[in-house]
Amino acid sequence: MTLKDALEAYLKEEAEKDPAFAGKFRAEKLPGCVSYVTARARKHLQGRNGAIEGELIMGWAEEYFTGQKKEPHVKTWAEAKAEIEAKRKPKPKPIPGPTDDIDNGQLLFDFMEEK
């Protein structure tokens, strides 16, 4: 899927949801929108390689048609740190249960003697 296809699908969906936006969206202006978004991405990355979140890109596309800048949510240090810590927390180890011996090939009856 090209950038143009992704933007077109997103913008058409937004136009269906929001009548005010639908009045401003014109499919024939998509090439200009793609150029605008690409220029904003270059400026945002400041000549470096990198990735840009889809939410930000789609916001620029909406901005192209509405003329209103949408500022993305910038995480605070506390939010970013909490997100990192949440990913670092070790997962609890499962408590061995009675069926764990079956996985090892041992059964309760293996320890009983035949008479």
PDB file of N, CA and C in Angstrom:
ATOM      1  N   MET A   1       0.851  -1.171   0.000  1.00  0.00           N
ATOM      2  CA  MET A   1       0.000   0.000   0.000  1.00  0.00           C
ATOM      3  C   MET A   1       0.898   1.236   0.000  1.00  0.00           C
ATOM      4  N   THR A   2       0.638   2.124  -0.893  1.00  0.00           N
ATOM      5  CA  THR A   2       1.431   3.348  -0.986  1.00  0.00           C
ATOM      6  C   THR A   2       0.946   4.364   0.046  1.00  0.00           C
ATOM      7  N   LEU A   3       1.746   5.393   0.236  1.00  0.00           N
ATOM      8  CA  LEU A   3       1.353   6.465   1.148  1.00  0.00           C
ATOM      9  C   LEU A   3       0.060   7.102   0.664  1.00  0.00           C
ATOM     10  N   LYS A   4      -0.040   7.316  -0.640  1.00  0.00           N
ATOM     11  CA  LYS A   4      -1.245   7.932  -1.205  1.00  0.00           C
ATOM     12  C   LYS A   4      -2.476   7.070  -0.906  1.00  0.00           C
ATOM     13  N   ASP A   5      -2.342   5.754  -1.075  1.00  0.00           N
ATOM     14  CA  ASP A   5      -3.471   4.850  -0.801  1.00  0.00           C
ATOM     15  C   ASP A   5      -3.875   4.887   0.666  1.00  0.00           C
ATOM     16  N   ALA A   6      -2.864   4.876   1.550  1.00  0.00           N
ATOM     17  CA  ALA A   6      -3.143   4.898   2.991  1.00  0.00           C
ATOM     18  C   ALA A   6      -3.824   6.201   3.393  1.00  0.00           C
ATOM     19  N   LEU A   7      -3.302   7.313   2.875  1.00  0.00           N
ATOM     20  CA  LEU A   7      -3.904   8.610   3.201  1.00  0.00           C
ATOM     21  C   LEU A   7      -5.324   8.706   2.658  1.00  0.00           C
ATOM     22  N   GLU A   8      -5.515   8.235   1.439  1.00  0.00           N
ATOM     23  CA  GLU A   8      -6.842   8.297   0.831  1.00  0.00           C
ATOM     24  C   GLU A   8      -7.854   7.492   1.642  1.00  0.00           C
ATOM     25  N   ALA A   9      -7.476   6.278   2.038  1.00  0.00           N
ATOM     26  CA  ALA A   9      -8.384   5.438   2.824  1.00  0.00           C
ATOM     27  C   ALA A   9      -8.719   6.101   4.155  1.00  0.00           C
ATOM     28  N   TYR A  10      -7.714   6.627   4.830  1.00  0.00           N
ATOM     29  CA  TYR A  10      -7.927   7.269   6.121  1.00  0.00           C
ATOM     30  C   TYR A  10      -8.809   8.510   5.977  1.00  0.00           C
ATOM     31  N   LEU A  11      -8.489   9.355   5.015  1.00  0.00           N
ATOM     32  CA  LEU A  11      -9.223  10.613   4.851  1.00  0.00           C
ATOM     33  C   LEU A  11     -10.670  10.377   4.424  1.00  0.00           C
ATOM     34  N   LYS A  12     -10.897   9.385   3.591  1.00  0.00           N
ATOM     35  CA  LYS A  12     -12.272   9.062   3.202  1.00  0.00           C
ATOM     36  C   LYS A  12     -13.076   8.577   4.412  1.00  0.00           C
ATOM     37  N   GLU A  13     -12.430   7.783   5.249  1.00  0.00           N
ATOM     38  CA  GLU A  13     -13.094   7.298   6.469  1.00  0.00           C
ATOM     39  C   GLU A  13     -13.426   8.465   7.401  1.00  0.00           C
ATOM     40  N   GLU A  14     -12.479   9.390   7.543  1.00  0.00           N
ATOM     41  CA  GLU A  14     -12.717  10.569   8.384  1.00  0.00           C
ATOM     42  C   GLU A  14     -13.847  11.428   7.808  1.00  0.00           C
ATOM     43  N   ALA A  15     -13.896  11.546   6.484  1.00  0.00           N
ATOM     44  CA  ALA A  15     -14.942  12.337   5.839  1.00  0.00           C
ATOM     45  C   ALA A  15     -16.322  11.726   6.066  1.00  0.00           C
ATOM     46  N   GLU A  16     -16.380  10.393   6.127  1.00  0.00           N
ATOM     47  CA  GLU A  16     -17.657   9.721   6.402  1.00  0.00           C
ATOM     48  C   GLU A  16     -18.116   9.961   7.830  1.00  0.00           C
ATOM     49  N   LYS A  17     -17.155  10.055   8.757  1.00  0.00           N
ATOM     50  CA  LYS A  17     -17.482  10.250  10.172  1.00  0.00           C
ATOM     51  C   LYS A  17     -17.798  11.702  10.516  1.00  0.00           C
ATOM     52  N   ASP A  18     -17.132  12.640   9.846  1.00  0.00           N
ATOM     53  CA  ASP A  18     -17.216  14.049  10.218  1.00  0.00           C
ATOM     54  C   ASP A  18     -17.696  14.892   9.034  1.00  0.00           C
ATOM     55  N   PRO A  19     -18.948  15.347   9.066  1.00  0.00           N
ATOM     56  CA  PRO A  19     -19.478  16.147   7.956  1.00  0.00           C
ATOM     57  C   PRO A  19     -18.694  17.451   7.717  1.00  0.00           C
ATOM     58  N   ALA A  20     -18.183  18.048   8.773  1.00  0.00           N
ATOM     59  CA  ALA A  20     -17.409  19.285   8.620  1.00  0.00           C
ATOM     60  C   ALA A  20     -16.130  19.012   7.821  1.00  0.00           C
ATOM     61  N   PHE A  21     -15.493  17.895   8.124  1.00  0.00           N
ATOM     62  CA  PHE A  21     -14.281  17.529   7.371  1.00  0.00           C
ATOM     63  C   PHE A  21     -14.640  17.131   5.945  1.00  0.00           C
ATOM     64  N   ALA A  22     -15.757  16.460   5.775  1.00  0.00           N
ATOM     65  CA  ALA A  22     -16.182  16.026   4.438  1.00  0.00           C
ATOM     66  C   ALA A  22     -16.331  17.214   3.494  1.00  0.00           C
ATOM     67  N   GLY A  23     -16.753  18.354   4.023  1.00  0.00           N
ATOM     68  CA  GLY A  23     -16.896  19.542   3.201  1.00  0.00           C
ATOM     69  C   GLY A  23     -15.569  20.116   2.724  1.00  0.00           C
ATOM     70  N   LYS A  24     -14.477  19.764   3.410  1.00  0.00           N
ATOM     71  CA  LYS A  24     -13.163  20.300   3.064  1.00  0.00           C
ATOM     72  C   LYS A  24     -12.310  19.309   2.272  1.00  0.00           C
ATOM     73  N   PHE A  25     -12.622  18.024   2.399  1.00  0.00           N
ATOM     74  CA  PHE A  25     -11.821  16.984   1.749  1.00  0.00           C
ATOM     75  C   PHE A  25     -12.163  16.888   0.265  1.00  0.00           C
ATOM     76  N   ARG A  26     -11.134  16.889  -0.573  1.00  0.00           N
ATOM     77  CA  ARG A  26     -11.293  16.715  -2.017  1.00  0.00           C
ATOM     78  C   ARG A  26     -10.275  15.679  -2.481  1.00  0.00           C
ATOM     79  N   ALA A  27     -10.760  14.569  -3.024  1.00  0.00           N
ATOM     80  CA  ALA A  27      -9.875  13.484  -3.454  1.00  0.00           C
ATOM     81  C   ALA A  27      -8.892  13.939  -4.535  1.00  0.00           C
ATOM     82  N   GLU A  28      -9.301  14.882  -5.362  1.00  0.00           N
ATOM     83  CA  GLU A  28      -8.406  15.338  -6.435  1.00  0.00           C
ATOM     84  C   GLU A  28      -7.195  16.103  -5.892  1.00  0.00           C
ATOM     85  N   LYS A  29      -7.229  16.494  -4.626  1.00  0.00           N
ATOM     86  CA  LYS A  29      -6.102  17.200  -4.013  1.00  0.00           C
ATOM     87  C   LYS A  29      -5.143  16.260  -3.284  1.00  0.00           C
ATOM     88  N   LEU A  30      -5.344  14.951  -3.417  1.00  0.00           N
ATOM     89  CA  LEU A  30      -4.485  13.990  -2.722  1.00  0.00           C
ATOM     90  C   LEU A  30      -3.013  14.092  -3.117  1.00  0.00           C
ATOM     91  N   PRO A  31      -2.665  14.289  -4.403  1.00  0.00           N
ATOM     92  CA  PRO A  31      -1.227  14.429  -4.716  1.00  0.00           C
ATOM     93  C   PRO A  31      -0.568  15.580  -3.951  1.00  0.00           C
ATOM     94  N   GLY A  32      -1.267  16.686  -3.812  1.00  0.00           N
ATOM     95  CA  GLY A  32      -0.733  17.802  -3.030  1.00  0.00           C
ATOM     96  C   GLY A  32      -0.603  17.440  -1.563  1.00  0.00           C
ATOM     97  N   CYS A  33      -1.562  16.673  -1.062  1.00  0.00           N
ATOM     98  CA  CYS A  33      -1.526  16.223   0.331  1.00  0.00           C
ATOM     99  C   CYS A  33      -0.314  15.327   0.571  1.00  0.00           C
ATOM    100  N   VAL A  34      -0.054  14.404  -0.367  1.00  0.00           N
ATOM    101  CA  VAL A  34       1.104  13.502  -0.240  1.00  0.00           C
ATOM    102  C   VAL A  34       2.392  14.322  -0.215  1.00  0.00           C
ATOM    103  N   SER A  35       2.495  15.320  -1.080  1.00  0.00           N
ATOM    104  CA  SER A  35       3.684  16.176  -1.100  1.00  0.00           C
ATOM    105  C   SER A  35       3.836  16.932   0.224  1.00  0.00           C
ATOM    106  N   TYR A  36       2.732  17.431   0.753  1.00  0.00           N
ATOM    107  CA  TYR A  36       2.748  18.162   2.018  1.00  0.00           C
ATOM    108  C   TYR A  36       3.212  17.261   3.163  1.00  0.00           C
ATOM    109  N   VAL A  37       2.635  16.068   3.230  1.00  0.00           N
ATOM    110  CA  VAL A  37       2.985  15.130   4.303  1.00  0.00           C
ATOM    111  C   VAL A  37       4.453  14.723   4.187  1.00  0.00           C
ATOM    112  N   THR A  38       4.915  14.477   2.970  1.00  0.00           N
ATOM    113  CA  THR A  38       6.311  14.083   2.759  1.00  0.00           C
ATOM    114  C   THR A  38       7.258  15.206   3.194  1.00  0.00           C
ATOM    115  N   ALA A  39       6.915  16.438   2.854  1.00  0.00           N
ATOM    116  CA  ALA A  39       7.744  17.576   3.259  1.00  0.00           C
ATOM    117  C   ALA A  39       7.766  17.729   4.781  1.00  0.00           C
ATOM    118  N   ARG A  40       6.610  17.552   5.409  1.00  0.00           N
ATOM    119  CA  ARG A  40       6.547  17.647   6.881  1.00  0.00           C
ATOM    120  C   ARG A  40       7.390  16.550   7.522  1.00  0.00           C
ATOM    121  N   ALA A  41       7.362  15.355   6.923  1.00  0.00           N
ATOM    122  CA  ALA A  41       8.147  14.238   7.470  1.00  0.00           C
ATOM    123  C   ALA A  41       9.644  14.540   7.376  1.00  0.00           C
ATOM    124  N   ARG A  42      10.063  15.053   6.245  1.00  0.00           N
ATOM    125  CA  ARG A  42      11.488  15.414   6.089  1.00  0.00           C
ATOM    126  C   ARG A  42      11.901  16.452   7.128  1.00  0.00           C
ATOM    127  N   LYS A  43      11.064  17.456   7.303  1.00  0.00           N
ATOM    128  CA  LYS A  43      11.359  18.506   8.276  1.00  0.00           C
ATOM    129  C   LYS A  43      11.386  17.933   9.691  1.00  0.00           C
ATOM    130  N   HIS A  44      10.446  17.056   9.994  1.00  0.00           N
ATOM    131  CA  HIS A  44      10.339  16.451  11.319  1.00  0.00           C
ATOM    132  C   HIS A  44      11.587  15.624  11.650  1.00  0.00           C
ATOM    133  N   LEU A  45      12.085  14.882  10.666  1.00  0.00           N
ATOM    134  CA  LEU A  45      13.251  14.022  10.899  1.00  0.00           C
ATOM    135  C   LEU A  45      14.576  14.784  10.837  1.00  0.00           C
ATOM    136  N   GLN A  46      14.542  15.996  10.336  1.00  0.00           N
ATOM    137  CA  GLN A  46      15.722  16.864  10.281  1.00  0.00           C
ATOM    138  C   GLN A  46      16.925  16.178   9.620  1.00  0.00           C
ATOM    139  N   GLY A  47      16.670  15.520   8.501  1.00  0.00           N
ATOM    140  CA  GLY A  47      17.757  14.901   7.748  1.00  0.00           C
ATOM    141  C   GLY A  47      18.250  13.573   8.279  1.00  0.00           C
ATOM    142  N   ARG A  48      17.636  13.095   9.331  1.00  0.00           N
ATOM    143  CA  ARG A  48      18.044  11.803   9.907  1.00  0.00           C
ATOM    144  C   ARG A  48      17.122  10.714   9.385  1.00  0.00           C
ATOM    145  N   ASN A  49      17.570   9.479   9.469  1.00  0.00           N
ATOM    146  CA  ASN A  49      16.698   8.349   9.186  1.00  0.00           C
ATOM    147  C   ASN A  49      15.823   8.122  10.400  1.00  0.00           C
ATOM    148  N   GLY A  50      14.645   7.606  10.185  1.00  0.00           N
ATOM    149  CA  GLY A  50      13.775   7.336  11.318  1.00  0.00           C
ATOM    150  C   GLY A  50      12.379   6.983  10.874  1.00  0.00           C
ATOM    151  N   ALA A  51      11.553   6.741  11.832  1.00  0.00           N
ATOM    152  CA  ALA A  51      10.153   6.396  11.584  1.00  0.00           C
ATOM    153  C   ALA A  51       9.275   7.449  12.239  1.00  0.00           C
ATOM    154  N   ILE A  52       8.096   7.612  11.672  1.00  0.00           N
ATOM    155  CA  ILE A  52       7.134   8.571  12.203  1.00  0.00           C
ATOM    156  C   ILE A  52       5.838   7.822  12.452  1.00  0.00           C
ATOM    157  N   GLU A  53       5.245   8.062  13.607  1.00  0.00           N
ATOM    158  CA  GLU A  53       3.997   7.387  13.957  1.00  0.00           C
ATOM    159  C   GLU A  53       2.899   7.751  12.971  1.00  0.00           C
ATOM    160  N   GLY A  54       2.071   6.768  12.661  1.00  0.00           N
ATOM    161  CA  GLY A  54       0.974   6.965  11.730  1.00  0.00           C
ATOM    162  C   GLY A  54       0.016   8.053  12.170  1.00  0.00           C
ATOM    163  N   GLU A  55      -0.198   8.167  13.470  1.00  0.00           N
ATOM    164  CA  GLU A  55      -1.098   9.192  14.002  1.00  0.00           C
ATOM    165  C   GLU A  55      -0.635  10.595  13.610  1.00  0.00           C
ATOM    166  N   LEU A  56       0.664  10.816  13.652  1.00  0.00           N
ATOM    167  CA  LEU A  56       1.223  12.112  13.298  1.00  0.00           C
ATOM    168  C   LEU A  56       1.067  12.371  11.799  1.00  0.00           C
ATOM    169  N   ILE A  57       1.343  11.359  10.994  1.00  0.00           N
ATOM    170  CA  ILE A  57       1.213  11.495   9.540  1.00  0.00           C
ATOM    171  C   ILE A  57      -0.231  11.795   9.155  1.00  0.00           C
ATOM    172  N   MET A  58      -1.168  11.065   9.737  1.00  0.00           N
ATOM    173  CA  MET A  58      -2.573  11.291   9.410  1.00  0.00           C
ATOM    174  C   MET A  58      -3.033  12.669   9.894  1.00  0.00           C
ATOM    175  N   GLY A  59      -2.472  13.129  10.989  1.00  0.00           N
ATOM    176  CA  GLY A  59      -2.774  14.479  11.472  1.00  0.00           C
ATOM    177  C   GLY A  59      -2.317  15.536  10.486  1.00  0.00           C
ATOM    178  N   TRP A  60      -1.134  15.320   9.880  1.00  0.00           N
ATOM    179  CA  TRP A  60      -0.654  16.257   8.871  1.00  0.00           C
ATOM    180  C   TRP A  60      -1.577  16.254   7.655  1.00  0.00           C
ATOM    181  N   ALA A  61      -2.074  15.080   7.291  1.00  0.00           N
ATOM    182  CA  ALA A  61      -2.977  14.984   6.140  1.00  0.00           C
ATOM    183  C   ALA A  61      -4.269  15.756   6.412  1.00  0.00           C
ATOM    184  N   GLU A  62      -4.811  15.602   7.612  1.00  0.00           N
ATOM    185  CA  GLU A  62      -6.013  16.363   7.972  1.00  0.00           C
ATOM    186  C   GLU A  62      -5.713  17.859   7.967  1.00  0.00           C
ATOM    187  N   GLU A  63      -4.549  18.217   8.476  1.00  0.00           N
ATOM    188  CA  GLU A  63      -4.122  19.608   8.529  1.00  0.00           C
ATOM    189  C   GLU A  63      -4.072  20.219   7.128  1.00  0.00           C
ATOM    190  N   TYR A  64      -3.652  19.438   6.160  1.00  0.00           N
ATOM    191  CA  TYR A  64      -3.573  19.917   4.775  1.00  0.00           C
ATOM    192  C   TYR A  64      -4.943  20.385   4.284  1.00  0.00           C
ATOM    193  N   PHE A  65      -5.981  19.632   4.622  1.00  0.00           N
ATOM    194  CA  PHE A  65      -7.314  19.962   4.139  1.00  0.00           C
ATOM    195  C   PHE A  65      -8.038  20.994   5.013  1.00  0.00           C
ATOM    196  N   THR A  66      -7.768  20.993   6.311  1.00  0.00           N
ATOM    197  CA  THR A  66      -8.495  21.888   7.213  1.00  0.00           C
ATOM    198  C   THR A  66      -7.767  23.203   7.469  1.00  0.00           C
ATOM    199  N   GLY A  67      -6.451  23.195   7.316  1.00  0.00           N
ATOM    200  CA  GLY A  67      -5.677  24.389   7.618  1.00  0.00           C
ATOM    201  C   GLY A  67      -5.444  24.576   9.107  1.00  0.00           C
ATOM    202  N   GLN A  68      -5.906  23.628   9.917  1.00  0.00           N
ATOM    203  CA  GLN A  68      -5.733  23.706  11.372  1.00  0.00           C
ATOM    204  C   GLN A  68      -4.684  22.703  11.806  1.00  0.00           C
ATOM    205  N   LYS A  69      -3.667  23.205  12.485  1.00  0.00           N
ATOM    206  CA  LYS A  69      -2.606  22.324  12.952  1.00  0.00           C
ATOM    207  C   LYS A  69      -3.103  21.480  14.111  1.00  0.00           C
ATOM    208  N   LYS A  70      -2.791  20.209  14.036  1.00  0.00           N
ATOM    209  CA  LYS A  70      -3.104  19.292  15.131  1.00  0.00           C
ATOM    210  C   LYS A  70      -1.788  18.934  15.799  1.00  0.00           C
ATOM    211  N   GLU A  71      -1.652  19.333  17.013  1.00  0.00           N
ATOM    212  CA  GLU A  71      -0.429  19.029  17.739  1.00  0.00           C
ATOM    213  C   GLU A  71      -0.526  17.614  18.298  1.00  0.00           C
ATOM    214  N   PRO A  72       0.481  16.793  18.042  1.00  0.00           N
ATOM    215  CA  PRO A  72       0.456  15.432  18.575  1.00  0.00           C
ATOM    216  C   PRO A  72       0.692  15.431  20.077  1.00  0.00           C
ATOM    217  N   HIS A  73       0.215  14.400  20.718  1.00  0.00           N
ATOM    218  CA  HIS A  73       0.462  14.250  22.147  1.00  0.00           C
ATOM    219  C   HIS A  73       1.929  13.878  22.334  1.00  0.00           C
ATOM    220  N   VAL A  74       2.637  14.673  23.080  1.00  0.00           N
ATOM    221  CA  VAL A  74       4.036  14.400  23.376  1.00  0.00           C
ATOM    222  C   VAL A  74       4.074  13.830  24.783  1.00  0.00           C
ATOM    223  N   LYS A  75       4.682  12.661  24.904  1.00  0.00           N
ATOM    224  CA  LYS A  75       4.747  12.002  26.207  1.00  0.00           C
ATOM    225  C   LYS A  75       5.641  12.786  27.153  1.00  0.00           C
ATOM    226  N   THR A  76       5.200  12.850  28.383  1.00  0.00           N
ATOM    227  CA  THR A  76       6.047  13.449  29.415  1.00  0.00           C
ATOM    228  C   THR A  76       7.092  12.419  29.811  1.00  0.00           C
ATOM    229  N   TRP A  77       8.098  12.875  30.512  1.00  0.00           N
ATOM    230  CA  TRP A  77       9.138  11.961  30.978  1.00  0.00           C
ATOM    231  C   TRP A  77       8.522  10.875  31.851  1.00  0.00           C
ATOM    232  N   ALA A  78       7.591  11.239  32.714  1.00  0.00           N
ATOM    233  CA  ALA A  78       6.963  10.261  33.609  1.00  0.00           C
ATOM    234  C   ALA A  78       6.185   9.206  32.811  1.00  0.00           C
ATOM    235  N   GLU A  79       5.473   9.635  31.757  1.00  0.00           N
ATOM    236  CA  GLU A  79       4.728   8.681  30.932  1.00  0.00           C
ATOM    237  C   GLU A  79       5.667   7.725  30.206  1.00  0.00           C
ATOM    238  N   ALA A  80       6.739   8.264  29.646  1.00  0.00           N
ATOM    239  CA  ALA A  80       7.694   7.430  28.922  1.00  0.00           C
ATOM    240  C   ALA A  80       8.368   6.450  29.871  1.00  0.00           C
ATOM    241  N   LYS A  81       8.736   6.920  31.059  1.00  0.00           N
ATOM    242  CA  LYS A  81       9.402   6.051  32.043  1.00  0.00           C
ATOM    243  C   LYS A  81       8.454   4.947  32.500  1.00  0.00           C
ATOM    244  N   ALA A  82       7.188   5.281  32.742  1.00  0.00           N
ATOM    245  CA  ALA A  82       6.215   4.285  33.169  1.00  0.00           C
ATOM    246  C   ALA A  82       6.006   3.226  32.083  1.00  0.00           C
ATOM    247  N   GLU A  83       6.012   3.658  30.839  1.00  0.00           N
ATOM    248  CA  GLU A  83       5.848   2.722  29.725  1.00  0.00           C
ATOM    249  C   GLU A  83       7.030   1.759  29.640  1.00  0.00           C
ATOM    250  N   ILE A  84       8.228   2.293  29.819  1.00  0.00           N
ATOM    251  CA  ILE A  84       9.427   1.452  29.798  1.00  0.00           C
ATOM    252  C   ILE A  84       9.420   0.477  30.965  1.00  0.00           C
ATOM    253  N   GLU A  85       9.078   0.957  32.147  1.00  0.00           N
ATOM    254  CA  GLU A  85       9.036   0.093  33.333  1.00  0.00           C
ATOM    255  C   GLU A  85       8.003  -1.018  33.172  1.00  0.00           C
ATOM    256  N   ALA A  86       6.874  -0.700  32.569  1.00  0.00           N
ATOM    257  CA  ALA A  86       5.829  -1.708  32.370  1.00  0.00           C
ATOM    258  C   ALA A  86       6.326  -2.820  31.457  1.00  0.00           C
ATOM    259  N   LYS A  87       7.157  -2.457  30.500  1.00  0.00           N
ATOM    260  CA  LYS A  87       7.705  -3.469  29.585  1.00  0.00           C
ATOM    261  C   LYS A  87       8.798  -4.292  30.248  1.00  0.00           C
ATOM    262  N   ARG A  88       9.468  -3.711  31.241  1.00  0.00           N
ATOM    263  CA  ARG A  88      10.584  -4.394  31.916  1.00  0.00           C
ATOM    264  C   ARG A  88      10.140  -5.375  32.988  1.00  0.00           C
ATOM    265  N   LYS A  89       8.945  -5.208  33.530  1.00  0.00           N
ATOM    266  CA  LYS A  89       8.516  -6.054  34.641  1.00  0.00           C
ATOM    267  C   LYS A  89       8.582  -7.522  34.240  1.00  0.00           C
ATOM    268  N   PRO A  90       9.251  -8.325  35.074  1.00  0.00           N
ATOM    269  CA  PRO A  90       9.334  -9.746  34.733  1.00  0.00           C
ATOM    270  C   PRO A  90       7.964 -10.412  34.861  1.00  0.00           C
ATOM    271  N   LYS A  91       7.744 -11.329  33.990  1.00  0.00           N
ATOM    272  CA  LYS A  91       6.488 -12.060  34.041  1.00  0.00           C
ATOM    273  C   LYS A  91       6.570 -13.072  35.180  1.00  0.00           C
ATOM    274  N   PRO A  92       5.476 -13.248  35.924  1.00  0.00           N
ATOM    275  CA  PRO A  92       5.523 -14.201  37.032  1.00  0.00           C
ATOM    276  C   PRO A  92       5.736 -15.619  36.509  1.00  0.00           C
ATOM    277  N   LYS A  93       6.547 -16.353  37.253  1.00  0.00           N
ATOM    278  CA  LYS A  93       6.803 -17.745  36.870  1.00  0.00           C
ATOM    279  C   LYS A  93       5.618 -18.593  37.313  1.00  0.00           C
ATOM    280  N   PRO A  94       5.222 -19.534  36.483  1.00  0.00           N
ATOM    281  CA  PRO A  94       4.090 -20.382  36.868  1.00  0.00           C
ATOM    282  C   PRO A  94       4.457 -21.276  38.048  1.00  0.00           C
ATOM    283  N   ILE A  95       3.506 -21.486  38.907  1.00  0.00           N
ATOM    284  CA  ILE A  95       3.696 -22.369  40.051  1.00  0.00           C
ATOM    285  C   ILE A  95       3.473 -23.794  39.566  1.00  0.00           C
ATOM    286  N   PRO A  96       4.427 -24.683  39.864  1.00  0.00           N
ATOM    287  CA  PRO A  96       4.263 -26.067  39.397  1.00  0.00           C
ATOM    288  C   PRO A  96       3.013 -26.690  40.005  1.00  0.00           C
ATOM    289  N   GLY A  97       2.295 -27.380  39.200  1.00  0.00           N
ATOM    290  CA  GLY A  97       1.073 -28.033  39.649  1.00  0.00           C
ATOM    291  C   GLY A  97       1.163 -29.535  39.462  1.00  0.00           C
ATOM    292  N   PRO A  98       0.097 -30.223  39.790  1.00  0.00           N
ATOM    293  CA  PRO A  98       0.126 -31.679  39.711  1.00  0.00           C
ATOM    294  C   PRO A  98       0.283 -32.210  38.284  1.00  0.00           C
ATOM    295  N   THR A  99      -0.048 -31.436  37.288  1.00  0.00           N
ATOM    296  CA  THR A  99       0.069 -31.929  35.919  1.00  0.00           C
ATOM    297  C   THR A  99       1.455 -31.720  35.344  1.00  0.00           C
ATOM    298  N   ASP A 100       2.325 -31.001  36.048  1.00  0.00           N
ATOM    299  CA  ASP A 100       3.661 -30.747  35.522  1.00  0.00           C
ATOM    300  C   ASP A 100       4.486 -32.022  35.404  1.00  0.00           C
ATOM    301  N   ASP A 101       4.245 -33.005  36.293  1.00  0.00           N
ATOM    302  CA  ASP A 101       4.983 -34.261  36.219  1.00  0.00           C
ATOM    303  C   ASP A 101       4.632 -35.037  34.957  1.00  0.00           C
ATOM    304  N   ILE A 102       3.431 -34.870  34.471  1.00  0.00           N
ATOM    305  CA  ILE A 102       3.026 -35.566  33.250  1.00  0.00           C
ATOM    306  C   ILE A 102       3.886 -35.081  32.086  1.00  0.00           C
ATOM    307  N   ASP A 103       4.187 -33.820  32.062  1.00  0.00           N
ATOM    308  CA  ASP A 103       5.032 -33.275  31.005  1.00  0.00           C
ATOM    309  C   ASP A 103       6.435 -33.865  31.044  1.00  0.00           C
ATOM    310  N   ASN A 104       6.892 -34.281  32.216  1.00  0.00           N
ATOM    311  CA  ASN A 104       8.222 -34.865  32.357  1.00  0.00           C
ATOM    312  C   ASN A 104       8.210 -36.373  32.124  1.00  0.00           C
ATOM    313  N   GLY A 105       7.075 -36.907  31.792  1.00  0.00           N
ATOM    314  CA  GLY A 105       6.976 -38.334  31.530  1.00  0.00           C
ATOM    315  C   GLY A 105       6.739 -39.169  32.777  1.00  0.00           C
ATOM    316  N   GLN A 106       6.529 -38.554  33.920  1.00  0.00           N
ATOM    317  CA  GLN A 106       6.315 -39.301  35.146  1.00  0.00           C
ATOM    318  C   GLN A 106       4.860 -39.213  35.543  1.00  0.00           C
ATOM    319  N   LEU A 107       4.340 -40.314  36.015  1.00  0.00           N
ATOM    320  CA  LEU A 107       2.977 -40.363  36.501  1.00  0.00           C
ATOM    321  C   LEU A 107       2.991 -40.837  37.941  1.00  0.00           C
ATOM    322  N   LEU A 108       1.962 -40.534  38.670  1.00  0.00           N
ATOM    323  CA  LEU A 108       1.851 -40.945  40.062  1.00  0.00           C
ATOM    324  C   LEU A 108       1.959 -42.461  40.178  1.00  0.00           C
ATOM    325  N   PHE A 109       1.389 -43.148  39.238  1.00  0.00           N
ATOM    326  CA  PHE A 109       1.363 -44.609  39.308  1.00  0.00           C
ATOM    327  C   PHE A 109       2.723 -45.230  39.022  1.00  0.00           C
ATOM    328  N   ASP A 110       3.658 -44.488  38.470  1.00  0.00           N
ATOM    329  CA  ASP A 110       4.993 -45.014  38.206  1.00  0.00           C
ATOM    330  C   ASP A 110       5.734 -45.328  39.504  1.00  0.00           C
ATOM    331  N   PHE A 111       5.330 -44.746  40.603  1.00  0.00           N
ATOM    332  CA  PHE A 111       6.035 -44.922  41.882  1.00  0.00           C
ATOM    333  C   PHE A 111       5.403 -46.028  42.719  1.00  0.00           C
ATOM    334  N   MET A 112       4.306 -46.577  42.295  1.00  0.00           N
ATOM    335  CA  MET A 112       3.626 -47.620  43.049  1.00  0.00           C
ATOM    336  C   MET A 112       4.160 -48.988  42.612  1.00  0.00           C
ATOM    337  N   GLU A 113       4.298 -49.844  43.549  1.00  0.00           N
ATOM    338  CA  GLU A 113       4.777 -51.190  43.238  1.00  0.00           C
ATOM    339  C   GLU A 113       3.590 -52.098  42.972  1.00  0.00           C
ATOM    340  N   GLU A 114       3.808 -53.023  42.078  1.00  0.00           N
ATOM    341  CA  GLU A 114       2.748 -54.013  41.843  1.00  0.00           C
ATOM    342  C   GLU A 114       2.873 -55.113  42.864  1.00  0.00           C
ATOM    343  N   LYS A 115       1.739 -55.633  43.319  1.00  0.00           N
ATOM    344  CA  LYS A 115       1.751 -56.747  44.284  1.00  0.00           C
ATOM    345  C   LYS A 115       1.340 -58.007  43.612  1.00  0.00           C
TER     346      LYS A 115
END
